[in-house]
Amino acid sequence: MNKASDPVLEFLDEHGIAAPVSVFDIELDPSRSSISRAVDDLEAYGLIERPPDYNTHFQITDLGREYLEGDVDATNLERDDVGDA
């Protein structure tokens, strides 16, 4: 994860929406490349997910909320890169 990971999670948690990467790019300070890498990592760790009806959008998961609350240690997370090329 990188410097954009927490801002992406916080944005999704605060707004309670599913959003595409372009919204994070507009609303957050980190660069688009940092945001894109963060989204890939957050999804692989199960902290965000794609809603069933919106393949290009992301929403925070319960695990992501637990991470923000300090109930989950990032060092204990496991990547799920299934489907990545």
N, C-alpha and C. Protein backbone atom coordinates (compact mmCIF):
# COMPACT_ATOMS: atom_id res chain seq x y z
N MET A 1 0.85 -1.17 0.00
CA MET A 1 0.00 0.00 0.00
C MET A 1 0.89 1.24 0.00
N ASN A 2 0.32 2.39 -0.36
CA ASN A 2 1.13 3.60 -0.48
C ASN A 2 0.42 4.80 0.15
N LYS A 3 0.98 6.00 -0.09
CA LYS A 3 0.46 7.21 0.55
C LYS A 3 -0.98 7.54 0.15
N ALA A 4 -1.49 6.97 -0.92
CA ALA A 4 -2.86 7.23 -1.35
C ALA A 4 -3.86 6.25 -0.75
N SER A 5 -3.39 5.18 -0.14
CA SER A 5 -4.29 4.13 0.35
C SER A 5 -5.27 4.64 1.41
N ASP A 6 -4.75 5.27 2.45
CA ASP A 6 -5.64 5.77 3.51
C ASP A 6 -6.59 6.85 2.99
N PRO A 7 -6.11 7.83 2.19
CA PRO A 7 -7.04 8.82 1.68
C PRO A 7 -8.18 8.22 0.85
N VAL A 8 -7.89 7.20 0.05
CA VAL A 8 -8.94 6.55 -0.74
C VAL A 8 -9.96 5.90 0.19
N LEU A 9 -9.48 5.14 1.17
CA LEU A 9 -10.39 4.50 2.12
C LEU A 9 -11.21 5.52 2.89
N GLU A 10 -10.56 6.57 3.36
CA GLU A 10 -11.26 7.60 4.12
C GLU A 10 -12.32 8.29 3.28
N PHE A 11 -12.00 8.57 2.02
CA PHE A 11 -12.97 9.19 1.12
C PHE A 11 -14.21 8.30 0.97
N LEU A 12 -13.98 7.02 0.68
CA LEU A 12 -15.11 6.11 0.49
C LEU A 12 -15.93 5.96 1.77
N ASP A 13 -15.27 5.90 2.91
CA ASP A 13 -15.96 5.76 4.18
C ASP A 13 -16.77 7.01 4.51
N GLU A 14 -16.17 8.17 4.33
CA GLU A 14 -16.84 9.43 4.66
C GLU A 14 -18.03 9.71 3.76
N HIS A 15 -17.93 9.36 2.48
CA HIS A 15 -18.98 9.68 1.52
C HIS A 15 -20.01 8.56 1.36
N GLY A 16 -19.67 7.35 1.76
CA GLY A 16 -20.62 6.24 1.68
C GLY A 16 -21.08 5.93 0.26
N ILE A 17 -20.18 6.09 -0.69
CA ILE A 17 -20.53 5.86 -2.09
C ILE A 17 -19.54 4.89 -2.74
N ALA A 18 -19.92 4.43 -3.92
CA ALA A 18 -18.98 3.73 -4.80
C ALA A 18 -18.51 4.78 -5.81
N ALA A 19 -17.22 4.82 -6.07
CA ALA A 19 -16.67 5.85 -6.95
C ALA A 19 -15.61 5.27 -7.87
N PRO A 20 -15.46 5.87 -9.06
CA PRO A 20 -14.38 5.45 -9.96
C PRO A 20 -13.07 6.13 -9.59
N VAL A 21 -11.98 5.63 -10.12
CA VAL A 21 -10.66 6.18 -9.85
C VAL A 21 -10.59 7.66 -10.22
N SER A 22 -11.30 8.06 -11.26
CA SER A 22 -11.27 9.47 -11.69
C SER A 22 -11.76 10.41 -10.59
N VAL A 23 -12.70 9.99 -9.78
CA VAL A 23 -13.18 10.83 -8.67
C VAL A 23 -12.08 10.99 -7.62
N PHE A 24 -11.37 9.91 -7.32
CA PHE A 24 -10.27 10.00 -6.35
C PHE A 24 -9.20 10.97 -6.88
N ASP A 25 -8.95 10.89 -8.20
CA ASP A 25 -7.95 11.76 -8.82
C ASP A 25 -8.33 13.23 -8.67
N ILE A 26 -9.60 13.54 -8.78
CA ILE A 26 -10.08 14.92 -8.66
C ILE A 26 -10.10 15.37 -7.20
N GLU A 27 -10.55 14.50 -6.33
CA GLU A 27 -10.81 14.88 -4.93
C GLU A 27 -9.61 14.75 -3.99
N LEU A 28 -8.63 13.94 -4.34
CA LEU A 28 -7.52 13.66 -3.43
C LEU A 28 -6.20 14.23 -3.96
N ASP A 29 -5.26 14.47 -3.06
CA ASP A 29 -3.99 15.08 -3.42
C ASP A 29 -2.97 14.16 -4.08
N PRO A 30 -2.88 12.88 -3.71
CA PRO A 30 -1.84 12.05 -4.34
C PRO A 30 -2.01 12.01 -5.86
N SER A 31 -0.93 11.68 -6.54
CA SER A 31 -0.96 11.60 -8.01
C SER A 31 -1.87 10.47 -8.48
N ARG A 32 -2.29 10.58 -9.73
CA ARG A 32 -3.17 9.55 -10.30
C ARG A 32 -2.49 8.18 -10.28
N SER A 33 -1.19 8.14 -10.54
CA SER A 33 -0.49 6.85 -10.53
C SER A 33 -0.46 6.26 -9.12
N SER A 34 -0.27 7.10 -8.10
CA SER A 34 -0.30 6.61 -6.71
C SER A 34 -1.69 6.12 -6.36
N ILE A 35 -2.70 6.84 -6.80
CA ILE A 35 -4.08 6.43 -6.53
C ILE A 35 -4.39 5.10 -7.21
N SER A 36 -3.98 4.96 -8.47
CA SER A 36 -4.23 3.72 -9.20
C SER A 36 -3.57 2.52 -8.52
N ARG A 37 -2.32 2.71 -8.09
CA ARG A 37 -1.62 1.62 -7.38
C ARG A 37 -2.32 1.31 -6.05
N ALA A 38 -2.74 2.35 -5.35
CA ALA A 38 -3.42 2.15 -4.07
C ALA A 38 -4.72 1.38 -4.27
N VAL A 39 -5.49 1.74 -5.29
CA VAL A 39 -6.76 1.05 -5.56
C VAL A 39 -6.50 -0.42 -5.86
N ASP A 40 -5.49 -0.70 -6.67
CA ASP A 40 -5.15 -2.10 -6.98
C ASP A 40 -4.81 -2.86 -5.70
N ASP A 41 -3.98 -2.27 -4.84
CA ASP A 41 -3.60 -2.93 -3.59
C ASP A 41 -4.80 -3.08 -2.65
N LEU A 42 -5.57 -2.02 -2.49
CA LEU A 42 -6.72 -2.07 -1.58
C LEU A 42 -7.71 -3.15 -2.00
N GLU A 43 -7.91 -3.27 -3.31
CA GLU A 43 -8.81 -4.32 -3.81
C GLU A 43 -8.21 -5.70 -3.56
N ALA A 44 -6.91 -5.86 -3.81
CA ALA A 44 -6.25 -7.15 -3.61
C ALA A 44 -6.28 -7.58 -2.14
N TYR A 45 -6.22 -6.62 -1.23
CA TYR A 45 -6.27 -6.92 0.20
C TYR A 45 -7.69 -7.02 0.75
N GLY A 46 -8.69 -6.77 -0.09
CA GLY A 46 -10.08 -6.90 0.33
C GLY A 46 -10.60 -5.71 1.12
N LEU A 47 -9.91 -4.58 1.03
CA LEU A 47 -10.35 -3.39 1.77
C LEU A 47 -11.36 -2.57 0.97
N ILE A 48 -11.35 -2.72 -0.35
CA ILE A 48 -12.38 -2.16 -1.21
C ILE A 48 -12.80 -3.24 -2.19
N GLU A 49 -13.95 -3.02 -2.82
CA GLU A 49 -14.46 -3.99 -3.79
C GLU A 49 -15.26 -3.26 -4.86
N ARG A 50 -15.48 -3.95 -5.96
CA ARG A 50 -16.31 -3.42 -7.03
C ARG A 50 -17.75 -3.86 -6.79
N PRO A 51 -18.70 -2.91 -6.76
CA PRO A 51 -20.09 -3.31 -6.60
C PRO A 51 -20.53 -4.15 -7.81
N PRO A 52 -21.48 -5.04 -7.63
CA PRO A 52 -21.89 -5.93 -8.72
C PRO A 52 -22.31 -5.21 -10.00
N ASP A 53 -22.94 -4.06 -9.89
CA ASP A 53 -23.47 -3.37 -11.07
C ASP A 53 -22.55 -2.31 -11.65
N TYR A 54 -21.39 -2.08 -11.04
CA TYR A 54 -20.49 -1.02 -11.48
C TYR A 54 -19.05 -1.53 -11.53
N ASN A 55 -18.63 -2.06 -12.64
CA ASN A 55 -17.31 -2.66 -12.77
C ASN A 55 -16.17 -1.65 -12.64
N THR A 56 -16.44 -0.37 -12.88
CA THR A 56 -15.39 0.65 -12.83
C THR A 56 -15.39 1.43 -11.51
N HIS A 57 -16.30 1.11 -10.61
CA HIS A 57 -16.42 1.82 -9.34
C HIS A 57 -15.91 0.95 -8.20
N PHE A 58 -15.59 1.60 -7.08
CA PHE A 58 -15.10 0.90 -5.90
C PHE A 58 -15.83 1.39 -4.67
N GLN A 59 -16.05 0.48 -3.73
CA GLN A 59 -16.66 0.85 -2.45
C GLN A 59 -15.86 0.20 -1.34
N ILE A 60 -15.92 0.79 -0.16
CA ILE A 60 -15.19 0.25 0.98
C ILE A 60 -15.91 -1.00 1.50
N THR A 61 -15.14 -1.95 1.98
CA THR A 61 -15.71 -3.17 2.56
C THR A 61 -15.73 -3.04 4.09
N ASP A 62 -16.36 -4.00 4.73
CA ASP A 62 -16.34 -4.02 6.20
C ASP A 62 -14.90 -4.13 6.71
N LEU A 63 -14.09 -4.93 6.01
CA LEU A 63 -12.67 -5.06 6.39
C LEU A 63 -11.96 -3.71 6.26
N GLY A 64 -12.29 -2.96 5.23
CA GLY A 64 -11.71 -1.63 5.06
C GLY A 64 -12.08 -0.70 6.20
N ARG A 65 -13.32 -0.76 6.65
CA ARG A 65 -13.75 0.05 7.79
C ARG A 65 -13.04 -0.38 9.07
N GLU A 66 -12.88 -1.68 9.25
CA GLU A 66 -12.17 -2.18 10.43
C GLU A 66 -10.71 -1.71 10.41
N TYR A 67 -10.10 -1.68 9.23
CA TYR A 67 -8.74 -1.18 9.08
C TYR A 67 -8.66 0.29 9.49
N LEU A 68 -9.60 1.10 9.01
CA LEU A 68 -9.61 2.52 9.35
C LEU A 68 -9.81 2.75 10.85
N GLU A 69 -10.59 1.89 11.47
CA GLU A 69 -10.86 2.01 12.91
C GLU A 69 -9.69 1.50 13.75
N GLY A 70 -8.70 0.91 13.12
CA GLY A 70 -7.55 0.39 13.84
C GLY A 70 -7.73 -1.02 14.36
N ASP A 71 -8.80 -1.68 13.92
CA ASP A 71 -9.07 -3.04 14.37
C ASP A 71 -8.34 -4.10 13.55
N VAL A 72 -7.78 -3.70 12.42
CA VAL A 72 -7.06 -4.62 11.53
C VAL A 72 -5.68 -4.03 11.26
N ASP A 73 -4.65 -4.84 11.46
CA ASP A 73 -3.27 -4.43 11.20
C ASP A 73 -2.93 -4.79 9.75
N ALA A 74 -2.46 -3.82 9.00
CA ALA A 74 -2.14 -4.03 7.59
C ALA A 74 -1.11 -5.13 7.38
N THR A 75 -0.23 -5.33 8.35
CA THR A 75 0.79 -6.37 8.20
C THR A 75 0.20 -7.77 8.26
N ASN A 76 -1.05 -7.88 8.73
CA ASN A 76 -1.70 -9.19 8.81
C ASN A 76 -2.59 -9.49 7.61
N LEU A 77 -2.69 -8.55 6.68
CA LEU A 77 -3.55 -8.75 5.51
C LEU A 77 -2.85 -9.60 4.47
N GLU A 78 -3.63 -10.38 3.75
CA GLU A 78 -3.09 -11.21 2.67
C GLU A 78 -3.67 -10.76 1.35
N ARG A 79 -2.82 -10.66 0.33
CA ARG A 79 -3.27 -10.27 -1.02
C ARG A 79 -4.02 -11.41 -1.67
N ASP A 80 -5.04 -11.05 -2.41
CA ASP A 80 -5.76 -11.99 -3.25
C ASP A 80 -5.65 -11.48 -4.67
N ASP A 81 -4.63 -11.95 -5.38
CA ASP A 81 -4.37 -11.47 -6.73
C ASP A 81 -5.02 -12.37 -7.78
N VAL A 82 -6.03 -13.13 -7.41
CA VAL A 82 -6.72 -14.00 -8.35
C VAL A 82 -7.32 -13.14 -9.45
N GLY A 83 -7.07 -13.52 -10.68
CA GLY A 83 -7.61 -12.81 -11.81
C GLY A 83 -6.69 -11.72 -12.34
N ASP A 84 -5.62 -11.41 -11.63
CA ASP A 84 -4.68 -10.41 -12.13
C ASP A 84 -3.81 -11.04 -13.21
N ALA A 85 -3.46 -10.26 -14.18
CA ALA A 85 -2.62 -10.78 -15.27
C ALA A 85 -1.16 -10.58 -14.97
